[in-house]
C-alpha cells in the first residue's frame, strides 16, 4: 500500500541542464566506520550550490538519514529512505525541516514466517507505517535512526511494514545468502548486504522506483540522472540512471550493473564523480 502526498519543491522547473544526482550513504558518502571526509562533503556541497538536485538514496530509515542531509547542507529537495519505502520532501522552513510525501507498506507475515522457519536464530526488526521500529532480541542498529522496541515475533507479524531487516550472528554472508535464496521469498523486494544481513521492502519498491517518481515530478531528462552506490541494494538504481557509477570496493555484480566505476570510499570515489558535475 502506498500513501502519496502531492507536495513538491521546484517541481517541473526548467530542468534541461539540472542533473538529478542520487547518492547512497554507507560505503559511498561515508566509510564503513561511519565517517565522511571533508573532500566528499565539500564536493557534494559544490554540486548543490551549482543548482543540481542532490537526492540521498539510502537503505537507512528516516531518522538515520536526516543527519546526512544536514551535513551536506541540503535545505530544499528530496530524499529516499528505507530502500525506496519512504520518500521525504526536505524544506528547512518547515517545523521539522521535512515531510514524508510517500510511504509504501506491505504485509510482512508471509516473508517473516518463511524466514523464521529457515533462520530461527536470526534477529528480526521491522519499520512500521508510523515510523517505529519493532525488534526481537533487543536488535538495534544505527541505520534504524531510532531505538527499536522489543516485541513478540507474533506482534511483528501483524504490523504494516515499510522495511524488514533480518540479521544472523551465527552465519557467514555466504551461508546466509544461500539460506535466503533457498527460501524463495515471493511478493516482496529484497537484497542481501555485505554481511549476514537482509533488507525487505514491498514488491517493486527499490531506490530506483522512488527515484523514477521524483524524476517525473522534477521533470528531469533521464540522460541527466546520475547515481552512485556500492551495495546490492543499489543495483536497480545504477541500472536506472543515465550515468550509474559503482564505488571501487563494490562487489562484481554491482560493478557490472554500473556504466562506470570510481575509486573506493577510502579514496573519496564519490567526490571524484561529484567534482565532474561542477
C-alpha atoms as a PDB file:
ATOM      1  CA  UNK A   1       0.000   0.000   0.000  1.00  0.00           C
ATOM      2  CA  UNK A   2       1.372   3.394  -0.999  1.00  0.00           C
ATOM      3  CA  UNK A   3       0.474   6.698   0.624  1.00  0.00           C
ATOM      4  CA  UNK A   4       1.382   9.653  -1.603  1.00  0.00           C
ATOM      5  CA  UNK A   5       1.030  13.348  -0.879  1.00  0.00           C
ATOM      6  CA  UNK A   6       1.155  15.708  -3.857  1.00  0.00           C
ATOM      7  CA  UNK A   7       3.573  18.238  -2.473  1.00  0.00           C
ATOM      8  CA  UNK A   8       6.805  19.428  -4.003  1.00  0.00           C
ATOM      9  CA  UNK A   9       9.545  21.990  -4.229  1.00  0.00           C
ATOM     10  CA  UNK A  10      10.688  23.485  -7.511  1.00  0.00           C
ATOM     11  CA  UNK A  11       8.821  20.724  -9.342  1.00  0.00           C
ATOM     12  CA  UNK A  12       8.754  20.903 -13.141  1.00  0.00           C
ATOM     13  CA  UNK A  13      11.100  23.882 -13.324  1.00  0.00           C
ATOM     14  CA  UNK A  14      13.326  24.258 -16.377  1.00  0.00           C
ATOM     15  CA  UNK A  15      15.492  21.226 -15.683  1.00  0.00           C
ATOM     16  CA  UNK A  16      17.151  20.981 -19.084  1.00  0.00           C
ATOM     17  CA  UNK A  17      20.586  21.416 -17.503  1.00  0.00           C
ATOM     18  CA  UNK A  18      19.979  20.397 -13.896  1.00  0.00           C
ATOM     19  CA  UNK A  19      21.123  16.913 -13.023  1.00  0.00           C
ATOM     20  CA  UNK A  20      19.331  14.623 -10.605  1.00  0.00           C
ATOM     21  CA  UNK A  21      22.139  13.070  -8.560  1.00  0.00           C
ATOM     22  CA  UNK A  22      21.230  10.107  -6.354  1.00  0.00           C
ATOM     23  CA  UNK A  23      23.772   9.266  -3.666  1.00  0.00           C
ATOM     24  CA  UNK A  24      23.926   6.174  -1.500  1.00  0.00           C
ATOM     25  CA  UNK A  25      25.241   6.818   2.012  1.00  0.00           C
ATOM     26  CA  UNK A  26      27.040   3.890   3.630  1.00  0.00           C
ATOM     27  CA  UNK A  27      30.043   2.831   1.590  1.00  0.00           C
ATOM     28  CA  UNK A  28      29.586   5.814  -0.731  1.00  0.00           C
ATOM     29  CA  UNK A  29      29.368   9.089   1.185  1.00  0.00           C
ATOM     30  CA  UNK A  30      30.598   7.618   4.467  1.00  0.00           C
ATOM     31  CA  UNK A  31      33.082   4.816   5.045  1.00  0.00           C
ATOM     32  CA  UNK A  32      32.432   1.607   6.934  1.00  0.00           C
ATOM     33  CA  UNK A  33      33.280   3.355  10.197  1.00  0.00           C
ATOM     34  CA  UNK A  34      30.607   5.981   9.511  1.00  0.00           C
ATOM     35  CA  UNK A  35      32.991   8.824   8.649  1.00  0.00           C
ATOM     36  CA  UNK A  36      32.563  11.339   5.819  1.00  0.00           C
ATOM     37  CA  UNK A  37      35.697  13.099   4.594  1.00  0.00           C
ATOM     38  CA  UNK A  38      35.855  16.839   4.013  1.00  0.00           C
ATOM     39  CA  UNK A  39      36.569  16.165   0.343  1.00  0.00           C
ATOM     40  CA  UNK A  40      33.305  14.262  -0.111  1.00  0.00           C
ATOM     41  CA  UNK A  41      31.301  16.774   1.910  1.00  0.00           C
ATOM     42  CA  UNK A  42      32.720  19.768   0.043  1.00  0.00           C
ATOM     43  CA  UNK A  43      32.203  18.125  -3.358  1.00  0.00           C
ATOM     44  CA  UNK A  44      28.565  17.402  -2.536  1.00  0.00           C
ATOM     45  CA  UNK A  45      28.016  20.959  -1.343  1.00  0.00           C
ATOM     46  CA  UNK A  46      29.604  22.304  -4.537  1.00  0.00           C
ATOM     47  CA  UNK A  47      27.158  20.300  -6.657  1.00  0.00           C
ATOM     48  CA  UNK A  48      24.231  21.567  -4.589  1.00  0.00           C
ATOM     49  CA  UNK A  49      25.448  25.163  -4.912  1.00  0.00           C
ATOM     50  CA  UNK A  50      25.734  24.641  -8.685  1.00  0.00           C
ATOM     51  CA  UNK A  51      21.961  24.110  -8.727  1.00  0.00           C
ATOM     52  CA  UNK A  52      21.725  20.355  -9.251  1.00  0.00           C
ATOM     53  CA  UNK A  53      19.173  18.196  -7.410  1.00  0.00           C
ATOM     54  CA  UNK A  54      21.108  16.039  -4.946  1.00  0.00           C
ATOM     55  CA  UNK A  55      18.962  13.243  -3.542  1.00  0.00           C
ATOM     56  CA  UNK A  56      20.147  10.973  -0.758  1.00  0.00           C
ATOM     57  CA  UNK A  57      19.040   7.424  -1.648  1.00  0.00           C
ATOM     58  CA  UNK A  58      19.733   5.067   1.216  1.00  0.00           C
ATOM     59  CA  UNK A  59      18.689   1.924   2.992  1.00  0.00           C
ATOM     60  CA  UNK A  60      18.771   3.923   6.215  1.00  0.00           C
ATOM     61  CA  UNK A  61      15.492   4.850   7.800  1.00  0.00           C
ATOM     62  CA  UNK A  62      14.320   8.436   8.167  1.00  0.00           C
ATOM     63  CA  UNK A  63      15.960   9.215  11.495  1.00  0.00           C
ATOM     64  CA  UNK A  64      19.353   7.987  10.312  1.00  0.00           C
ATOM     65  CA  UNK A  65      19.093   9.878   7.012  1.00  0.00           C
ATOM     66  CA  UNK A  66      18.392  13.347   8.412  1.00  0.00           C
ATOM     67  CA  UNK A  67      21.914  13.876   9.866  1.00  0.00           C
ATOM     68  CA  UNK A  68      23.407  13.233   6.409  1.00  0.00           C
ATOM     69  CA  UNK A  69      21.028  15.755   4.847  1.00  0.00           C
ATOM     70  CA  UNK A  70      22.090  18.308   7.461  1.00  0.00           C
ATOM     71  CA  UNK A  71      25.793  17.577   6.991  1.00  0.00           C
ATOM     72  CA  UNK A  72      25.592  18.149   3.241  1.00  0.00           C
ATOM     73  CA  UNK A  73      23.591  21.336   3.696  1.00  0.00           C
ATOM     74  CA  UNK A  74      20.541  20.208   1.715  1.00  0.00           C
ATOM     75  CA  UNK A  75      17.890  22.808   2.557  1.00  0.00           C
ATOM     76  CA  UNK A  76      15.306  22.067  -0.124  1.00  0.00           C
ATOM     77  CA  UNK A  77      14.714  18.934  -2.157  1.00  0.00           C
ATOM     78  CA  UNK A  78      14.006  15.260  -1.619  1.00  0.00           C
ATOM     79  CA  UNK A  79      15.473  12.139  -0.038  1.00  0.00           C
ATOM     80  CA  UNK A  80      14.768   8.440  -0.465  1.00  0.00           C
ATOM     81  CA  UNK A  81      14.953   6.316   2.694  1.00  0.00           C
ATOM     82  CA  UNK A  82      14.383   2.656   3.584  1.00  0.00           C
ATOM     83  CA  UNK A  83      15.478   1.471   0.133  1.00  0.00           C
ATOM     84  CA  UNK A  84      12.639   3.350  -1.551  1.00  0.00           C
ATOM     85  CA  UNK A  85       9.963   2.664   1.044  1.00  0.00           C
ATOM     86  CA  UNK A  86       9.892   6.267   2.290  1.00  0.00           C
ATOM     87  CA  UNK A  87      10.314   9.493   0.312  1.00  0.00           C
ATOM     88  CA  UNK A  88      10.918  12.803   2.087  1.00  0.00           C
ATOM     89  CA  UNK A  89      10.464  16.365   0.938  1.00  0.00           C
ATOM     90  CA  UNK A  90      13.143  18.477   2.555  1.00  0.00           C
ATOM     91  CA  UNK A  91      12.407  22.113   3.334  1.00  0.00           C
ATOM     92  CA  UNK A  92      14.271  23.889   6.110  1.00  0.00           C
ATOM     93  CA  UNK A  93      11.383  26.356   6.507  1.00  0.00           C
ATOM     94  CA  UNK A  94       9.043  23.614   7.767  1.00  0.00           C
ATOM     95  CA  UNK A  95       8.805  22.995  11.533  1.00  0.00           C
ATOM     96  CA  UNK A  96      10.647  19.661  11.350  1.00  0.00           C
ATOM     97  CA  UNK A  97      12.588  20.526   8.211  1.00  0.00           C
ATOM     98  CA  UNK A  98      10.902  17.781   6.196  1.00  0.00           C
ATOM     99  CA  UNK A  99       7.694  15.905   5.496  1.00  0.00           C
ATOM    100  CA  UNK A 100       7.012  12.361   4.331  1.00  0.00           C
ATOM    101  CA  UNK A 101       5.448  12.504   0.854  1.00  0.00           C
ATOM    102  CA  UNK A 102       5.283   8.760   0.228  1.00  0.00           C
ATOM    103  CA  UNK A 103       5.385   5.666   2.418  1.00  0.00           C
ATOM    104  CA  UNK A 104       4.931   2.219   0.843  1.00  0.00           C
ATOM    105  CA  UNK A 105       3.869  -0.618   3.150  1.00  0.00           C
ATOM    106  CA  UNK A 106       3.339  -4.349   2.789  1.00  0.00           C
ATOM    107  CA  UNK A 107       2.127  -7.376   4.744  1.00  0.00           C
ATOM    108  CA  UNK A 108       5.292  -8.912   6.239  1.00  0.00           C
ATOM    109  CA  UNK A 109       3.670 -12.067   7.582  1.00  0.00           C
ATOM    110  CA  UNK A 110       4.391 -14.490   4.688  1.00  0.00           C
ATOM    111  CA  UNK A 111       8.050 -13.462   4.404  1.00  0.00           C
ATOM    112  CA  UNK A 112       8.665 -13.373   8.150  1.00  0.00           C
ATOM    113  CA  UNK A 113       7.035 -16.757   8.670  1.00  0.00           C
ATOM    114  CA  UNK A 114       9.155 -18.367   5.947  1.00  0.00           C
ATOM    115  CA  UNK A 115      12.339 -16.740   7.219  1.00  0.00           C
ATOM    116  CA  UNK A 116      11.711 -17.673  10.850  1.00  0.00           C
ATOM    117  CA  UNK A 117      11.240 -21.306   9.879  1.00  0.00           C
ATOM    118  CA  UNK A 118      14.545 -21.387   7.989  1.00  0.00           C
ATOM    119  CA  UNK A 119      16.502 -18.988  10.246  1.00  0.00           C
ATOM    120  CA  UNK A 120      15.103 -19.421  13.780  1.00  0.00           C
ATOM    121  CA  UNK A 121      18.186 -17.955  15.475  1.00  0.00           C
ATOM    122  CA  UNK A 122      18.272 -14.768  13.394  1.00  0.00           C
ATOM    123  CA  UNK A 123      17.335 -11.337  14.722  1.00  0.00           C
ATOM    124  CA  UNK A 124      14.387  -9.506  13.184  1.00  0.00           C
ATOM    125  CA  UNK A 125      13.432  -5.833  13.019  1.00  0.00           C
ATOM    126  CA  UNK A 126      10.550  -4.056  11.309  1.00  0.00           C
ATOM    127  CA  UNK A 127       9.876  -0.426  10.435  1.00  0.00           C
ATOM    128  CA  UNK A 128       6.121   0.096  10.620  1.00  0.00           C
ATOM    129  CA  UNK A 129       3.763   2.558   8.942  1.00  0.00           C
ATOM    130  CA  UNK A 130       4.190   5.046  11.796  1.00  0.00           C
ATOM    131  CA  UNK A 131       7.964   5.123  11.548  1.00  0.00           C
ATOM    132  CA  UNK A 132       8.522   2.983  14.649  1.00  0.00           C
ATOM    133  CA  UNK A 133      10.995   0.114  14.781  1.00  0.00           C
ATOM    134  CA  UNK A 134       9.938  -3.175  16.346  1.00  0.00           C
ATOM    135  CA  UNK A 135      12.504  -5.878  17.030  1.00  0.00           C
ATOM    136  CA  UNK A 136      13.198  -9.276  18.522  1.00  0.00           C
ATOM    137  CA  UNK A 137      16.020  -9.955  20.965  1.00  0.00           C
ATOM    138  CA  UNK A 138      16.912  -6.280  21.505  1.00  0.00           C
ATOM    139  CA  UNK A 139      18.083  -5.919  17.905  1.00  0.00           C
ATOM    140  CA  UNK A 140      19.419  -2.381  17.424  1.00  0.00           C
ATOM    141  CA  UNK A 141      21.280  -0.808  14.508  1.00  0.00           C
ATOM    142  CA  UNK A 142      22.390   2.725  13.643  1.00  0.00           C
ATOM    143  CA  UNK A 143      20.548   2.525  10.301  1.00  0.00           C
ATOM    144  CA  UNK A 144      17.220   2.431  12.155  1.00  0.00           C
ATOM    145  CA  UNK A 145      17.629   6.030  13.292  1.00  0.00           C
ATOM    146  CA  UNK A 146      15.714   5.340  16.496  1.00  0.00           C
ATOM    147  CA  UNK A 147      15.665   2.846  19.333  1.00  0.00           C
ATOM    148  CA  UNK A 148      13.810  -0.311  18.370  1.00  0.00           C
ATOM    149  CA  UNK A 149      11.069  -1.566  20.681  1.00  0.00           C
ATOM    150  CA  UNK A 150      11.308  -5.242  21.661  1.00  0.00           C
ATOM    151  CA  UNK A 151       8.104  -7.142  20.864  1.00  0.00           C
ATOM    152  CA  UNK A 152       6.969 -10.728  20.447  1.00  0.00           C
ATOM    153  CA  UNK A 153       7.509 -12.138  16.982  1.00  0.00           C
ATOM    154  CA  UNK A 154       3.746 -12.674  16.678  1.00  0.00           C
ATOM    155  CA  UNK A 155       3.110  -8.941  17.162  1.00  0.00           C
ATOM    156  CA  UNK A 156       5.573  -8.188  14.392  1.00  0.00           C
ATOM    157  CA  UNK A 157       3.619 -10.469  12.050  1.00  0.00           C
ATOM    158  CA  UNK A 158       0.510  -8.296  12.385  1.00  0.00           C
ATOM    159  CA  UNK A 159       2.242  -4.995  11.610  1.00  0.00           C
ATOM    160  CA  UNK A 160       2.111  -2.936   8.419  1.00  0.00           C
ATOM    161  CA  UNK A 161       5.747  -2.916   7.336  1.00  0.00           C
ATOM    162  CA  UNK A 162       7.781  -0.398   5.364  1.00  0.00           C
ATOM    163  CA  UNK A 163      11.039  -2.253   5.881  1.00  0.00           C
ATOM    164  CA  UNK A 164      12.019  -5.577   7.420  1.00  0.00           C
ATOM    165  CA  UNK A 165      15.588  -6.370   8.460  1.00  0.00           C
ATOM    166  CA  UNK A 166      16.949  -9.822   9.246  1.00  0.00           C
ATOM    167  CA  UNK A 167      20.419 -10.337  10.724  1.00  0.00           C
ATOM    168  CA  UNK A 168      22.171 -13.577  11.593  1.00  0.00           C
ATOM    169  CA  UNK A 169      25.090 -13.631  14.005  1.00  0.00           C
ATOM    170  CA  UNK A 170      25.863 -17.320  13.522  1.00  0.00           C
ATOM    171  CA  UNK A 171      26.150 -17.437   9.714  1.00  0.00           C
ATOM    172  CA  UNK A 172      28.705 -16.191   7.227  1.00  0.00           C
ATOM    173  CA  UNK A 173      27.489 -13.850   4.499  1.00  0.00           C
ATOM    174  CA  UNK A 174      27.704 -16.727   2.009  1.00  0.00           C
ATOM    175  CA  UNK A 175      25.787 -19.164   4.226  1.00  0.00           C
ATOM    176  CA  UNK A 176      23.151 -16.558   4.974  1.00  0.00           C
ATOM    177  CA  UNK A 177      22.739 -15.636   1.313  1.00  0.00           C
ATOM    178  CA  UNK A 178      22.331 -19.284   0.360  1.00  0.00           C
ATOM    179  CA  UNK A 179      19.729 -19.778   3.090  1.00  0.00           C
ATOM    180  CA  UNK A 180      17.722 -16.769   1.924  1.00  0.00           C
ATOM    181  CA  UNK A 181      17.903 -17.928  -1.692  1.00  0.00           C
ATOM    182  CA  UNK A 182      16.642 -21.376  -0.706  1.00  0.00           C
ATOM    183  CA  UNK A 183      13.523 -19.890   0.889  1.00  0.00           C
ATOM    184  CA  UNK A 184      12.298 -18.370  -2.365  1.00  0.00           C
ATOM    185  CA  UNK A 185      10.699 -15.203  -0.992  1.00  0.00           C
ATOM    186  CA  UNK A 186       7.705 -14.054  -3.039  1.00  0.00           C
ATOM    187  CA  UNK A 187       5.672 -10.847  -3.138  1.00  0.00           C
ATOM    188  CA  UNK A 188       8.488  -8.661  -1.785  1.00  0.00           C
ATOM    189  CA  UNK A 189      11.705  -6.997  -2.930  1.00  0.00           C
ATOM    190  CA  UNK A 190      14.835  -7.947  -1.023  1.00  0.00           C
ATOM    191  CA  UNK A 191      18.607  -7.557  -1.046  1.00  0.00           C
ATOM    192  CA  UNK A 192      21.385  -9.251   0.916  1.00  0.00           C
ATOM    193  CA  UNK A 193      24.063  -6.986   2.359  1.00  0.00           C
ATOM    194  CA  UNK A 194      27.813  -7.304   2.871  1.00  0.00           C
ATOM    195  CA  UNK A 195      27.278  -9.442   5.971  1.00  0.00           C
ATOM    196  CA  UNK A 196      24.519 -11.853   7.005  1.00  0.00           C
ATOM    197  CA  UNK A 197      22.005  -9.022   6.613  1.00  0.00           C
ATOM    198  CA  UNK A 198      18.748  -8.947   4.666  1.00  0.00           C
ATOM    199  CA  UNK A 199      16.581  -5.926   3.789  1.00  0.00           C
ATOM    200  CA  UNK A 200      12.996  -6.471   2.628  1.00  0.00           C
ATOM    201  CA  UNK A 201      10.577  -3.943   1.092  1.00  0.00           C
ATOM    202  CA  UNK A 202       7.250  -4.081  -0.719  1.00  0.00           C
ATOM    203  CA  UNK A 203       7.190  -5.776  -4.108  1.00  0.00           C
ATOM    204  CA  UNK A 204       8.604  -3.488  -6.800  1.00  0.00           C
ATOM    205  CA  UNK A 205       9.938  -0.977  -4.270  1.00  0.00           C
ATOM    206  CA  UNK A 206      13.595  -0.065  -4.722  1.00  0.00           C
ATOM    207  CA  UNK A 207      15.668   3.076  -4.644  1.00  0.00           C
ATOM    208  CA  UNK A 208      15.153   3.200  -8.413  1.00  0.00           C
ATOM    209  CA  UNK A 209      11.345   3.107  -8.202  1.00  0.00           C
ATOM    210  CA  UNK A 210      11.307   6.040  -5.780  1.00  0.00           C
ATOM    211  CA  UNK A 211      13.850   7.975  -7.838  1.00  0.00           C
ATOM    212  CA  UNK A 212      11.848   7.493 -11.027  1.00  0.00           C
ATOM    213  CA  UNK A 213       8.818   9.038  -9.307  1.00  0.00           C
ATOM    214  CA  UNK A 214      10.963  12.002  -8.285  1.00  0.00           C
ATOM    215  CA  UNK A 215      12.498  12.312 -11.747  1.00  0.00           C
ATOM    216  CA  UNK A 216       8.999  12.590 -13.212  1.00  0.00           C
ATOM    217  CA  UNK A 217       7.965  15.070 -10.541  1.00  0.00           C
ATOM    218  CA  UNK A 218      11.016  17.236 -11.167  1.00  0.00           C
ATOM    219  CA  UNK A 219      10.834  16.951 -14.956  1.00  0.00           C
ATOM    220  CA  UNK A 220      14.445  15.805 -15.293  1.00  0.00           C
ATOM    221  CA  UNK A 221      15.565  14.134 -18.501  1.00  0.00           C
ATOM    222  CA  UNK A 222      16.732  10.555 -17.909  1.00  0.00           C
ATOM    223  CA  UNK A 223      20.034  11.406 -19.590  1.00  0.00           C
ATOM    224  CA  UNK A 224      20.717  13.889 -16.774  1.00  0.00           C
ATOM    225  CA  UNK A 225      20.348  11.342 -13.972  1.00  0.00           C
ATOM    226  CA  UNK A 226      23.407  10.171 -12.038  1.00  0.00           C
ATOM    227  CA  UNK A 227      23.571   7.526  -9.314  1.00  0.00           C
ATOM    228  CA  UNK A 228      26.484   6.460  -7.129  1.00  0.00           C
ATOM    229  CA  UNK A 229      26.444   3.397  -4.874  1.00  0.00           C
ATOM    230  CA  UNK A 230      28.278   0.319  -3.678  1.00  0.00           C
ATOM    231  CA  UNK A 231      25.744  -2.247  -2.453  1.00  0.00           C
ATOM    232  CA  UNK A 232      23.434  -4.863  -3.888  1.00  0.00           C
ATOM    233  CA  UNK A 233      20.519  -2.622  -2.928  1.00  0.00           C
ATOM    234  CA  UNK A 234      21.979  -0.068  -5.375  1.00  0.00           C
ATOM    235  CA  UNK A 235      21.895  -2.316  -8.442  1.00  0.00           C
ATOM    236  CA  UNK A 236      18.484  -1.177  -9.728  1.00  0.00           C
ATOM    237  CA  UNK A 237      19.423   2.461  -9.106  1.00  0.00           C
ATOM    238  CA  UNK A 238      22.672   2.133 -11.056  1.00  0.00           C
ATOM    239  CA  UNK A 239      20.855   0.470 -13.949  1.00  0.00           C
ATOM    240  CA  UNK A 240      18.145   3.157 -13.885  1.00  0.00           C
ATOM    241  CA  UNK A 241      20.484   6.158 -14.036  1.00  0.00           C
ATOM    242  CA  UNK A 242      21.745   7.701 -17.231  1.00  0.00           C
ATOM    243  CA  UNK A 243      25.150   7.541 -15.563  1.00  0.00           C
ATOM    244  CA  UNK A 244      25.406   4.792 -12.969  1.00  0.00           C
ATOM    245  CA  UNK A 245      28.657   4.789 -11.005  1.00  0.00           C
ATOM    246  CA  UNK A 246      29.771   1.947  -8.741  1.00  0.00           C
ATOM    247  CA  UNK A 247      32.224   2.539  -5.932  1.00  0.00           C
ATOM    248  CA  UNK A 248      35.601   0.868  -6.306  1.00  0.00           C
ATOM    249  CA  UNK A 249      35.046  -1.565  -3.438  1.00  0.00           C
ATOM    250  CA  UNK A 250      31.642  -2.715  -4.723  1.00  0.00           C
ATOM    251  CA  UNK A 251      31.178  -6.453  -5.416  1.00  0.00           C
ATOM    252  CA  UNK A 252      31.374  -7.630  -9.015  1.00  0.00           C
ATOM    253  CA  UNK A 253      27.602  -7.851  -9.502  1.00  0.00           C
ATOM    254  CA  UNK A 254      27.233  -4.192  -8.504  1.00  0.00           C
ATOM    255  CA  UNK A 255      30.117  -3.070 -10.697  1.00  0.00           C
ATOM    256  CA  UNK A 256      28.576  -4.965 -13.616  1.00  0.00           C
ATOM    257  CA  UNK A 257      25.322  -3.040 -13.191  1.00  0.00           C
ATOM    258  CA  UNK A 258      27.088   0.323 -13.478  1.00  0.00           C
ATOM    259  CA  UNK A 259      28.197   2.243 -16.546  1.00  0.00           C
ATOM    260  CA  UNK A 260      31.448   3.194 -14.820  1.00  0.00           C
ATOM    261  CA  UNK A 261      33.457   2.560 -11.673  1.00  0.00           C
ATOM    262  CA  UNK A 262      35.084   5.218  -9.490  1.00  0.00           C
ATOM    263  CA  UNK A 263      37.558   4.929  -6.627  1.00  0.00           C
ATOM    264  CA  UNK A 264      36.710   3.243  -3.347  1.00  0.00           C
ATOM    265  CA  UNK A 265      35.093   5.022  -0.428  1.00  0.00           C
ATOM    266  CA  UNK A 266      38.561   5.256   1.153  1.00  0.00           C
ATOM    267  CA  UNK A 267      39.831   7.023  -1.970  1.00  0.00           C
ATOM    268  CA  UNK A 268      36.963   9.561  -1.976  1.00  0.00           C
ATOM    269  CA  UNK A 269      35.492   7.927  -5.070  1.00  0.00           C
ATOM    270  CA  UNK A 270      32.175   9.738  -4.684  1.00  0.00           C
ATOM    271  CA  UNK A 271      33.935  13.110  -4.603  1.00  0.00           C
ATOM    272  CA  UNK A 272      35.577  12.393  -7.952  1.00  0.00           C
ATOM    273  CA  UNK A 273      32.164  11.809  -9.539  1.00  0.00           C
ATOM    274  CA  UNK A 274      30.647  14.889  -7.929  1.00  0.00           C
ATOM    275  CA  UNK A 275      33.513  17.154  -8.988  1.00  0.00           C
ATOM    276  CA  UNK A 276      32.985  16.064 -12.588  1.00  0.00           C
ATOM    277  CA  UNK A 277      29.494  17.596 -12.447  1.00  0.00           C
ATOM    278  CA  UNK A 278      30.522  21.086 -11.355  1.00  0.00           C
END
